[in-house]
N, C-alpha and C. Protein backbone atom coordinates (compact mmCIF):
# COMPACT_ATOMS: atom_id res chain seq x y z
N MET A 1 145.76 106.29 104.10
CA MET A 1 145.51 105.03 104.59
C MET A 1 146.38 104.81 105.84
N TYR A 2 147.59 105.35 105.91
CA TYR A 2 148.35 105.11 107.13
C TYR A 2 147.64 105.75 108.27
N LYS A 3 147.13 106.92 108.21
CA LYS A 3 146.40 107.51 109.43
C LYS A 3 145.18 106.71 109.70
N MET A 4 144.58 106.19 108.76
CA MET A 4 143.29 105.31 108.95
C MET A 4 143.62 104.18 109.87
N LEU A 5 144.70 103.43 109.42
CA LEU A 5 144.89 102.02 110.12
C LEU A 5 145.84 102.42 111.45
N THR A 6 146.30 103.36 111.56
CA THR A 6 147.07 103.59 112.98
C THR A 6 146.43 104.49 113.90
N GLY A 7 145.27 104.62 113.69
CA GLY A 7 144.44 105.33 114.69
C GLY A 7 144.49 107.07 114.69
N LYS A 8 145.30 107.47 113.66
CA LYS A 8 145.53 108.92 113.63
C LYS A 8 144.35 109.61 113.05
N GLU A 9 143.44 108.92 112.59
CA GLU A 9 142.15 109.61 111.91
C GLU A 9 140.87 109.07 112.98
N ASP A 10 139.90 109.87 113.01
CA ASP A 10 138.93 109.59 113.89
C ASP A 10 137.81 108.66 113.13
N MET A 11 138.17 107.43 112.97
CA MET A 11 137.40 106.45 112.31
C MET A 11 137.79 105.06 112.70
N ASP A 12 136.86 104.06 112.50
CA ASP A 12 137.18 102.82 112.68
C ASP A 12 137.49 102.02 111.31
N PRO A 13 138.81 101.60 111.28
CA PRO A 13 139.21 100.94 109.88
C PRO A 13 138.47 99.78 109.65
N MET A 14 137.92 99.19 110.73
CA MET A 14 137.08 97.82 110.45
C MET A 14 135.93 98.22 109.75
N CYS A 15 135.39 99.32 109.54
CA CYS A 15 134.21 99.68 108.83
C CYS A 15 134.50 99.37 107.25
N LEU A 16 135.86 99.71 106.84
CA LEU A 16 136.27 99.64 105.39
C LEU A 16 137.00 98.36 105.02
N PHE A 17 137.84 97.90 106.11
CA PHE A 17 138.86 96.95 105.65
C PHE A 17 138.83 95.77 106.79
N GLN A 18 139.38 94.74 106.29
CA GLN A 18 139.53 93.42 107.19
C GLN A 18 141.07 93.14 107.18
N PHE A 19 141.54 93.00 108.34
CA PHE A 19 143.01 92.76 108.57
C PHE A 19 143.21 91.22 108.19
N ALA A 20 144.32 90.96 107.56
CA ALA A 20 144.76 89.75 106.90
C ALA A 20 145.09 88.81 108.28
N SER A 21 144.91 87.71 108.22
CA SER A 21 145.22 86.84 109.22
C SER A 21 146.72 86.47 109.12
N ARG A 22 147.53 86.05 110.12
CA ARG A 22 148.86 85.86 110.09
C ARG A 22 149.33 84.77 109.02
N ASP A 23 148.39 83.82 108.86
CA ASP A 23 148.84 82.71 108.04
C ASP A 23 148.86 83.03 106.62
N LEU A 24 148.68 84.28 106.12
CA LEU A 24 148.68 84.63 104.70
C LEU A 24 150.07 84.82 104.33
N ASN A 25 151.08 84.83 105.18
CA ASN A 25 152.43 85.17 104.82
C ASN A 25 152.71 86.55 104.19
N LEU A 26 152.10 87.61 104.80
CA LEU A 26 152.26 88.84 104.41
C LEU A 26 153.29 89.82 104.98
N HIS A 27 154.55 89.24 105.07
CA HIS A 27 155.69 89.79 105.74
C HIS A 27 155.62 89.95 107.10
N GLY A 28 154.87 89.41 107.88
CA GLY A 28 154.56 89.50 109.35
C GLY A 28 154.06 90.80 109.93
N CYS A 29 153.60 91.64 109.06
CA CYS A 29 153.05 92.98 109.64
C CYS A 29 151.69 92.81 109.98
N HIS A 30 151.28 93.41 111.13
CA HIS A 30 149.94 93.24 111.79
C HIS A 30 149.03 94.23 110.93
N LEU A 31 149.50 95.15 109.95
CA LEU A 31 148.62 96.15 109.42
C LEU A 31 148.30 95.79 107.92
N LYS A 32 148.60 94.55 107.51
CA LYS A 32 148.35 94.12 106.14
C LYS A 32 146.75 93.80 106.00
N LEU A 33 146.29 93.96 104.94
CA LEU A 33 144.82 93.77 104.69
C LEU A 33 144.43 92.67 103.79
N TYR A 34 143.34 92.14 104.03
CA TYR A 34 142.81 91.11 103.20
C TYR A 34 141.80 91.70 102.18
N LYS A 35 142.15 91.31 100.96
CA LYS A 35 141.65 91.77 99.84
C LYS A 35 140.36 90.70 99.37
N GLN A 36 139.16 91.21 99.45
CA GLN A 36 137.93 90.14 99.12
C GLN A 36 137.83 90.23 97.58
N GLN A 37 137.49 89.17 97.09
CA GLN A 37 136.95 89.05 95.52
C GLN A 37 135.70 89.92 95.47
N CYS A 38 135.65 90.60 94.34
CA CYS A 38 134.62 91.64 93.96
C CYS A 38 133.78 90.96 92.85
N ARG A 39 132.56 90.83 93.12
CA ARG A 39 131.63 90.22 91.98
C ARG A 39 131.31 91.46 91.04
N LEU A 40 131.11 92.63 91.46
CA LEU A 40 130.71 93.79 90.68
C LEU A 40 131.96 94.69 90.30
N ASN A 41 131.91 95.12 89.13
CA ASN A 41 133.08 96.10 88.89
C ASN A 41 132.74 97.46 89.80
N VAL A 42 131.68 97.68 90.16
CA VAL A 42 131.40 99.00 90.88
C VAL A 42 132.28 98.86 92.10
N ARG A 43 132.15 97.77 92.88
CA ARG A 43 132.83 97.51 94.11
C ARG A 43 134.23 97.31 93.94
N LYS A 44 134.84 96.93 92.90
CA LYS A 44 136.10 96.71 92.59
C LYS A 44 136.99 97.92 92.43
N TYR A 45 136.20 99.06 91.98
CA TYR A 45 137.00 100.32 91.92
C TYR A 45 136.61 101.33 93.05
N TYR A 46 136.05 100.81 94.15
CA TYR A 46 135.96 101.62 95.35
C TYR A 46 137.43 101.86 96.02
N PHE A 47 137.63 102.95 96.72
CA PHE A 47 138.85 103.32 97.30
C PHE A 47 139.33 102.27 98.20
N SER A 48 138.40 101.57 98.92
CA SER A 48 138.61 100.53 100.00
C SER A 48 139.15 99.46 99.34
N GLN A 49 138.88 99.19 98.07
CA GLN A 49 139.52 97.90 97.29
C GLN A 49 140.73 98.17 96.59
N ARG A 50 140.86 99.43 96.01
CA ARG A 50 141.78 99.66 95.15
C ARG A 50 143.16 99.95 95.79
N ILE A 51 143.09 100.34 97.24
CA ILE A 51 144.12 100.64 97.94
C ILE A 51 144.87 99.57 98.56
N ILE A 52 144.30 98.41 98.75
CA ILE A 52 144.77 97.28 99.40
C ILE A 52 145.94 96.77 98.77
N SER A 53 146.17 96.50 97.62
CA SER A 53 147.29 95.85 96.95
C SER A 53 148.51 96.78 97.14
N PRO A 54 148.37 98.15 96.87
CA PRO A 54 149.65 98.92 97.09
C PRO A 54 149.89 99.00 98.50
N TRP A 55 148.96 99.03 99.44
CA TRP A 55 149.37 99.07 100.79
C TRP A 55 150.13 97.86 101.27
N ASN A 56 149.62 96.73 100.83
CA ASN A 56 150.19 95.43 101.45
C ASN A 56 151.76 95.32 100.72
N SER A 57 151.89 96.05 99.55
CA SER A 57 153.14 96.01 99.05
C SER A 57 154.26 96.71 99.68
N LEU A 58 153.88 97.56 100.62
CA LEU A 58 154.86 98.43 101.30
C LEU A 58 155.69 97.54 102.25
N THR A 59 156.81 97.90 102.55
CA THR A 59 157.56 97.02 103.48
C THR A 59 157.24 97.36 105.01
N ASN A 60 157.51 96.49 105.82
CA ASN A 60 157.13 96.61 107.25
C ASN A 60 157.77 97.84 107.77
N HIS A 61 158.87 98.03 107.38
CA HIS A 61 159.60 99.33 107.79
C HIS A 61 158.73 100.71 107.60
N VAL A 62 158.25 100.78 106.54
CA VAL A 62 157.40 101.96 106.10
C VAL A 62 156.12 101.87 106.77
N VAL A 63 155.39 100.82 106.82
CA VAL A 63 154.03 100.63 107.44
C VAL A 63 154.14 101.04 108.93
N THR A 64 155.28 100.57 109.70
CA THR A 64 155.12 100.78 111.13
C THR A 64 155.98 102.11 111.55
N ALA A 65 155.87 103.12 110.75
CA ALA A 65 156.54 104.34 111.01
C ALA A 65 155.70 104.95 112.26
N PRO A 66 156.46 105.66 113.08
CA PRO A 66 155.84 106.16 114.30
C PRO A 66 155.02 107.40 114.23
N SER A 67 155.09 108.16 112.90
CA SER A 67 154.45 109.35 112.66
C SER A 67 154.12 109.62 111.31
N VAL A 68 153.27 110.59 110.76
CA VAL A 68 152.94 110.75 109.50
C VAL A 68 154.21 111.18 108.62
N ASN A 69 154.94 112.23 109.32
CA ASN A 69 156.10 112.59 108.59
C ASN A 69 157.14 111.44 108.38
N SER A 70 157.33 110.74 109.33
CA SER A 70 158.25 109.57 109.26
C SER A 70 157.85 108.64 108.17
N PHE A 71 156.45 108.32 108.18
CA PHE A 71 155.73 107.35 107.05
C PHE A 71 156.15 108.00 105.78
N LYS A 72 156.27 109.24 105.53
CA LYS A 72 156.21 109.94 104.21
C LYS A 72 157.83 109.74 103.84
N LYS A 73 158.65 110.05 104.90
CA LYS A 73 160.00 109.92 104.47
C LYS A 73 160.30 108.56 104.16
N ARG A 74 159.86 107.56 105.05
CA ARG A 74 160.33 106.22 104.59
C ARG A 74 159.74 105.69 103.36
N LEU A 75 158.59 106.12 102.95
CA LEU A 75 157.98 105.82 101.61
C LEU A 75 158.76 106.35 100.65
N ASP A 76 159.17 107.84 100.71
CA ASP A 76 159.97 108.26 99.62
C ASP A 76 161.34 107.59 99.58
N ASP A 77 161.82 107.21 100.56
CA ASP A 77 163.20 106.52 100.70
C ASP A 77 163.08 105.15 99.89
N ASP A 78 161.98 104.44 100.29
CA ASP A 78 161.86 103.28 99.59
C ASP A 78 161.52 103.29 98.12
N MET A 79 160.73 104.37 97.69
CA MET A 79 160.48 104.43 96.38
C MET A 79 161.67 104.82 95.58
N ALA A 80 162.63 105.68 96.19
CA ALA A 80 163.84 106.03 95.49
C ALA A 80 164.82 104.82 95.31
N GLU A 81 164.71 104.05 96.36
CA GLU A 81 165.56 102.76 96.44
C GLU A 81 165.11 101.71 95.31
N MET A 82 163.79 101.82 95.07
CA MET A 82 163.29 100.81 93.96
C MET A 82 163.65 101.42 92.61
N ASP A 83 163.69 102.66 92.59
CA ASP A 83 164.10 103.31 91.04
C ASP A 83 165.56 102.97 90.92
N ASN A 84 166.41 102.75 91.84
CA ASN A 84 167.79 102.46 91.61
C ASN A 84 167.97 101.12 91.07
């Protein structure tokens, strides 16, 4: 997900996702995603729908990491901090 949204994968994230507008109060990060309501269960369980809530719950510090390894380290640190 990180690689898709930060341009490190050769794909257009707009094909799968819609970025949330700033007025939704999503911690001010420009990489937060808008989750559309799904009418069918089939759509609800697609990767592009399931990943949005966990992604949006990440802190700005994690999401704005400069590299994949930095993202992984920050994510691990935040998860360890949550466990304490």
